[in-house]
């Protein structure tokens, strides 16, 4: 059985709560176990939590979910870019799949609600990577 770590951003909680549920349902439907769930303040805070989970020997992959909604400045773009880059770094540095189920930037809250199922896609992606990548020796 594949064991996942799940990181959930709390900012925009009405949306990320639904994303968390979608991720858990997708893992359950696939026969995977979400061993640890870490709630972080926002998407920007996810890389540290993902790194800690990826260090655990019993975690096969880490799924990160959250949403970044646009505002009056380019803040959403900056947050999204930094988060995506650091999560990619964690995956490579820890040799553990880390999938990005963070929606945004440039989205309204309504558009973000329409993309809640991206959390399930992130779980599916993590499971695909675990099954396709050869185990390191």
C-alpha atoms as a PDB file:
ATOM      1  CA  UNK A   1       0.000   0.000   0.000  1.00  0.00           C
ATOM      2  CA  UNK A   2       1.258   3.449  -0.914  1.00  0.00           C
ATOM      3  CA  UNK A   3       1.600   5.802   2.024  1.00  0.00           C
ATOM      4  CA  UNK A   4       1.122   9.521   1.490  1.00  0.00           C
ATOM      5  CA  UNK A   5       1.809  12.665   3.417  1.00  0.00           C
ATOM      6  CA  UNK A   6      -0.693  15.473   2.900  1.00  0.00           C
ATOM      7  CA  UNK A   7      -0.007  19.185   3.355  1.00  0.00           C
ATOM      8  CA  UNK A   8      -3.053  21.463   3.456  1.00  0.00           C
ATOM      9  CA  UNK A   9      -2.843  25.264   3.330  1.00  0.00           C
ATOM     10  CA  UNK A  10      -5.329  26.929   5.668  1.00  0.00           C
ATOM     11  CA  UNK A  11      -5.538  30.302   3.913  1.00  0.00           C
ATOM     12  CA  UNK A  12      -8.843  30.356   1.991  1.00  0.00           C
ATOM     13  CA  UNK A  13      -9.991  27.557   4.310  1.00  0.00           C
ATOM     14  CA  UNK A  14     -13.551  27.209   2.944  1.00  0.00           C
ATOM     15  CA  UNK A  15     -11.957  26.081  -0.326  1.00  0.00           C
ATOM     16  CA  UNK A  16      -8.953  24.179   1.026  1.00  0.00           C
ATOM     17  CA  UNK A  17     -11.181  22.225   3.388  1.00  0.00           C
ATOM     18  CA  UNK A  18     -13.006  20.871   0.338  1.00  0.00           C
ATOM     19  CA  UNK A  19      -9.664  20.183  -1.325  1.00  0.00           C
ATOM     20  CA  UNK A  20      -8.520  18.207   1.707  1.00  0.00           C
ATOM     21  CA  UNK A  21     -11.693  16.110   1.555  1.00  0.00           C
ATOM     22  CA  UNK A  22     -11.217  15.496  -2.187  1.00  0.00           C
ATOM     23  CA  UNK A  23      -7.610  14.407  -1.614  1.00  0.00           C
ATOM     24  CA  UNK A  24      -8.570  12.022   1.190  1.00  0.00           C
ATOM     25  CA  UNK A  25     -11.381  10.540  -0.889  1.00  0.00           C
ATOM     26  CA  UNK A  26      -9.065  10.041  -3.879  1.00  0.00           C
ATOM     27  CA  UNK A  27      -6.439   8.337  -1.718  1.00  0.00           C
ATOM     28  CA  UNK A  28      -9.038   6.089  -0.140  1.00  0.00           C
ATOM     29  CA  UNK A  29     -10.547   5.181  -3.522  1.00  0.00           C
ATOM     30  CA  UNK A  30      -7.093   4.227  -4.791  1.00  0.00           C
ATOM     31  CA  UNK A  31      -6.295   2.089  -1.752  1.00  0.00           C
ATOM     32  CA  UNK A  32      -3.597   4.456  -0.496  1.00  0.00           C
ATOM     33  CA  UNK A  33      -3.132   5.564   3.090  1.00  0.00           C
ATOM     34  CA  UNK A  34      -2.693   9.177   4.146  1.00  0.00           C
ATOM     35  CA  UNK A  35      -0.423   8.595   7.103  1.00  0.00           C
ATOM     36  CA  UNK A  36       0.174  12.199   8.132  1.00  0.00           C
ATOM     37  CA  UNK A  37      -1.676  15.431   7.410  1.00  0.00           C
ATOM     38  CA  UNK A  38      -0.003  18.740   8.194  1.00  0.00           C
ATOM     39  CA  UNK A  39      -1.988  21.971   8.165  1.00  0.00           C
ATOM     40  CA  UNK A  40       0.054  25.081   7.385  1.00  0.00           C
ATOM     41  CA  UNK A  41      -1.003  28.741   7.386  1.00  0.00           C
ATOM     42  CA  UNK A  42      -0.734  29.234   3.611  1.00  0.00           C
ATOM     43  CA  UNK A  43       0.677  27.783   0.404  1.00  0.00           C
ATOM     44  CA  UNK A  44       3.960  29.643   0.920  1.00  0.00           C
ATOM     45  CA  UNK A  45       4.471  27.646   4.130  1.00  0.00           C
ATOM     46  CA  UNK A  46       3.942  24.275   2.457  1.00  0.00           C
ATOM     47  CA  UNK A  47       7.524  23.511   1.345  1.00  0.00           C
ATOM     48  CA  UNK A  48       8.853  23.144   4.896  1.00  0.00           C
ATOM     49  CA  UNK A  49       6.028  20.787   5.843  1.00  0.00           C
ATOM     50  CA  UNK A  50       6.470  18.840   2.596  1.00  0.00           C
ATOM     51  CA  UNK A  51      10.179  18.523   3.312  1.00  0.00           C
ATOM     52  CA  UNK A  52       9.580  17.191   6.821  1.00  0.00           C
ATOM     53  CA  UNK A  53       7.104  14.617   5.513  1.00  0.00           C
ATOM     54  CA  UNK A  54       9.402  13.622   2.641  1.00  0.00           C
ATOM     55  CA  UNK A  55      12.145  12.871   5.187  1.00  0.00           C
ATOM     56  CA  UNK A  56      10.011  10.163   6.791  1.00  0.00           C
ATOM     57  CA  UNK A  57      10.979   6.722   5.544  1.00  0.00           C
ATOM     58  CA  UNK A  58       7.385   5.481   5.634  1.00  0.00           C
ATOM     59  CA  UNK A  59       6.110   8.263   3.328  1.00  0.00           C
ATOM     60  CA  UNK A  60       6.177   7.288  -0.354  1.00  0.00           C
ATOM     61  CA  UNK A  61       4.975  10.654  -1.699  1.00  0.00           C
ATOM     62  CA  UNK A  62       3.718  14.028  -0.496  1.00  0.00           C
ATOM     63  CA  UNK A  63       0.628  15.789  -1.813  1.00  0.00           C
ATOM     64  CA  UNK A  64       0.286  19.543  -1.282  1.00  0.00           C
ATOM     65  CA  UNK A  65      -3.098  21.257  -1.623  1.00  0.00           C
ATOM     66  CA  UNK A  66      -4.117  24.876  -1.328  1.00  0.00           C
ATOM     67  CA  UNK A  67      -5.367  27.816  -3.321  1.00  0.00           C
ATOM     68  CA  UNK A  68      -3.908  31.215  -4.099  1.00  0.00           C
ATOM     69  CA  UNK A  69      -6.533  33.786  -5.005  1.00  0.00           C
ATOM     70  CA  UNK A  70      -5.719  36.984  -6.859  1.00  0.00           C
ATOM     71  CA  UNK A  71      -5.708  40.331  -5.131  1.00  0.00           C
ATOM     72  CA  UNK A  72      -4.913  43.927  -5.988  1.00  0.00           C
ATOM     73  CA  UNK A  73      -1.173  43.293  -6.412  1.00  0.00           C
ATOM     74  CA  UNK A  74       1.083  40.622  -7.937  1.00  0.00           C
ATOM     75  CA  UNK A  75       1.345  38.940  -4.535  1.00  0.00           C
ATOM     76  CA  UNK A  76      -0.522  35.834  -5.756  1.00  0.00           C
ATOM     77  CA  UNK A  77       1.978  35.342  -8.582  1.00  0.00           C
ATOM     78  CA  UNK A  78       4.966  35.745  -6.256  1.00  0.00           C
ATOM     79  CA  UNK A  79       3.524  33.277  -3.717  1.00  0.00           C
ATOM     80  CA  UNK A  80       2.628  30.709  -6.389  1.00  0.00           C
ATOM     81  CA  UNK A  81       5.996  30.901  -8.127  1.00  0.00           C
ATOM     82  CA  UNK A  82       7.973  30.582  -4.890  1.00  0.00           C
ATOM     83  CA  UNK A  83       5.825  27.721  -3.639  1.00  0.00           C
ATOM     84  CA  UNK A  84       6.041  25.731  -6.869  1.00  0.00           C
ATOM     85  CA  UNK A  85       9.812  26.181  -7.105  1.00  0.00           C
ATOM     86  CA  UNK A  86      10.496  25.141  -3.516  1.00  0.00           C
ATOM     87  CA  UNK A  87       8.164  22.121  -3.718  1.00  0.00           C
ATOM     88  CA  UNK A  88      10.013  20.989  -6.830  1.00  0.00           C
ATOM     89  CA  UNK A  89      13.275  21.430  -4.939  1.00  0.00           C
ATOM     90  CA  UNK A  90      11.975  19.313  -2.040  1.00  0.00           C
ATOM     91  CA  UNK A  91      11.009  16.530  -4.418  1.00  0.00           C
ATOM     92  CA  UNK A  92      14.443  16.457  -6.016  1.00  0.00           C
ATOM     93  CA  UNK A  93      16.424  16.929  -2.802  1.00  0.00           C
ATOM     94  CA  UNK A  94      14.523  14.211  -0.922  1.00  0.00           C
ATOM     95  CA  UNK A  95      14.088  11.903  -3.940  1.00  0.00           C
ATOM     96  CA  UNK A  96      10.401  11.700  -3.040  1.00  0.00           C
ATOM     97  CA  UNK A  97       7.486  12.661  -5.285  1.00  0.00           C
ATOM     98  CA  UNK A  98       5.869  15.924  -4.164  1.00  0.00           C
ATOM     99  CA  UNK A  99       2.807  16.872  -6.159  1.00  0.00           C
ATOM    100  CA  UNK A 100       1.375  20.351  -6.523  1.00  0.00           C
ATOM    101  CA  UNK A 101      -2.350  20.558  -5.893  1.00  0.00           C
ATOM    102  CA  UNK A 102      -2.214  24.304  -5.309  1.00  0.00           C
ATOM    103  CA  UNK A 103      -4.537  26.234  -7.588  1.00  0.00           C
ATOM    104  CA  UNK A 104      -3.798  29.767  -8.730  1.00  0.00           C
ATOM    105  CA  UNK A 105      -2.536  32.377  -9.261  1.00  0.00           C
ATOM    106  CA  UNK A 106      -4.830  34.737 -11.099  1.00  0.00           C
ATOM    107  CA  UNK A 107      -8.047  33.152  -9.902  1.00  0.00           C
ATOM    108  CA  UNK A 108     -11.080  34.509  -8.155  1.00  0.00           C
ATOM    109  CA  UNK A 109     -12.570  32.641  -5.209  1.00  0.00           C
ATOM    110  CA  UNK A 110     -15.333  31.369  -7.507  1.00  0.00           C
ATOM    111  CA  UNK A 111     -12.767  30.018  -9.978  1.00  0.00           C
ATOM    112  CA  UNK A 112     -10.869  28.385  -7.117  1.00  0.00           C
ATOM    113  CA  UNK A 113     -14.021  26.620  -5.925  1.00  0.00           C
ATOM    114  CA  UNK A 114     -14.437  25.209  -9.440  1.00  0.00           C
ATOM    115  CA  UNK A 115     -10.968  23.633  -9.171  1.00  0.00           C
ATOM    116  CA  UNK A 116     -11.338  21.789  -5.869  1.00  0.00           C
ATOM    117  CA  UNK A 117     -10.909  18.477  -7.699  1.00  0.00           C
ATOM    118  CA  UNK A 118      -7.319  19.436  -8.517  1.00  0.00           C
ATOM    119  CA  UNK A 119      -6.561  18.010  -5.079  1.00  0.00           C
ATOM    120  CA  UNK A 120      -7.676  14.573  -6.266  1.00  0.00           C
ATOM    121  CA  UNK A 121      -5.548  14.998  -9.390  1.00  0.00           C
ATOM    122  CA  UNK A 122      -2.535  15.729  -7.176  1.00  0.00           C
ATOM    123  CA  UNK A 123      -3.161  12.472  -5.289  1.00  0.00           C
ATOM    124  CA  UNK A 124      -3.483  10.573  -8.571  1.00  0.00           C
ATOM    125  CA  UNK A 125      -0.243  12.128  -9.780  1.00  0.00           C
ATOM    126  CA  UNK A 126       1.583  11.135  -6.605  1.00  0.00           C
ATOM    127  CA  UNK A 127       0.342   7.563  -6.873  1.00  0.00           C
ATOM    128  CA  UNK A 128       1.325   7.411 -10.558  1.00  0.00           C
ATOM    129  CA  UNK A 129       4.827   8.627  -9.748  1.00  0.00           C
ATOM    130  CA  UNK A 130       5.256   6.117  -6.946  1.00  0.00           C
ATOM    131  CA  UNK A 131       4.194   3.254  -9.217  1.00  0.00           C
ATOM    132  CA  UNK A 132       6.245   4.382 -12.239  1.00  0.00           C
ATOM    133  CA  UNK A 133       9.527   5.472 -10.680  1.00  0.00           C
ATOM    134  CA  UNK A 134      12.065   2.801  -9.808  1.00  0.00           C
ATOM    135  CA  UNK A 135      12.908   2.640  -6.096  1.00  0.00           C
ATOM    136  CA  UNK A 136      16.294   4.158  -5.241  1.00  0.00           C
ATOM    137  CA  UNK A 137      18.865   1.717  -3.976  1.00  0.00           C
END
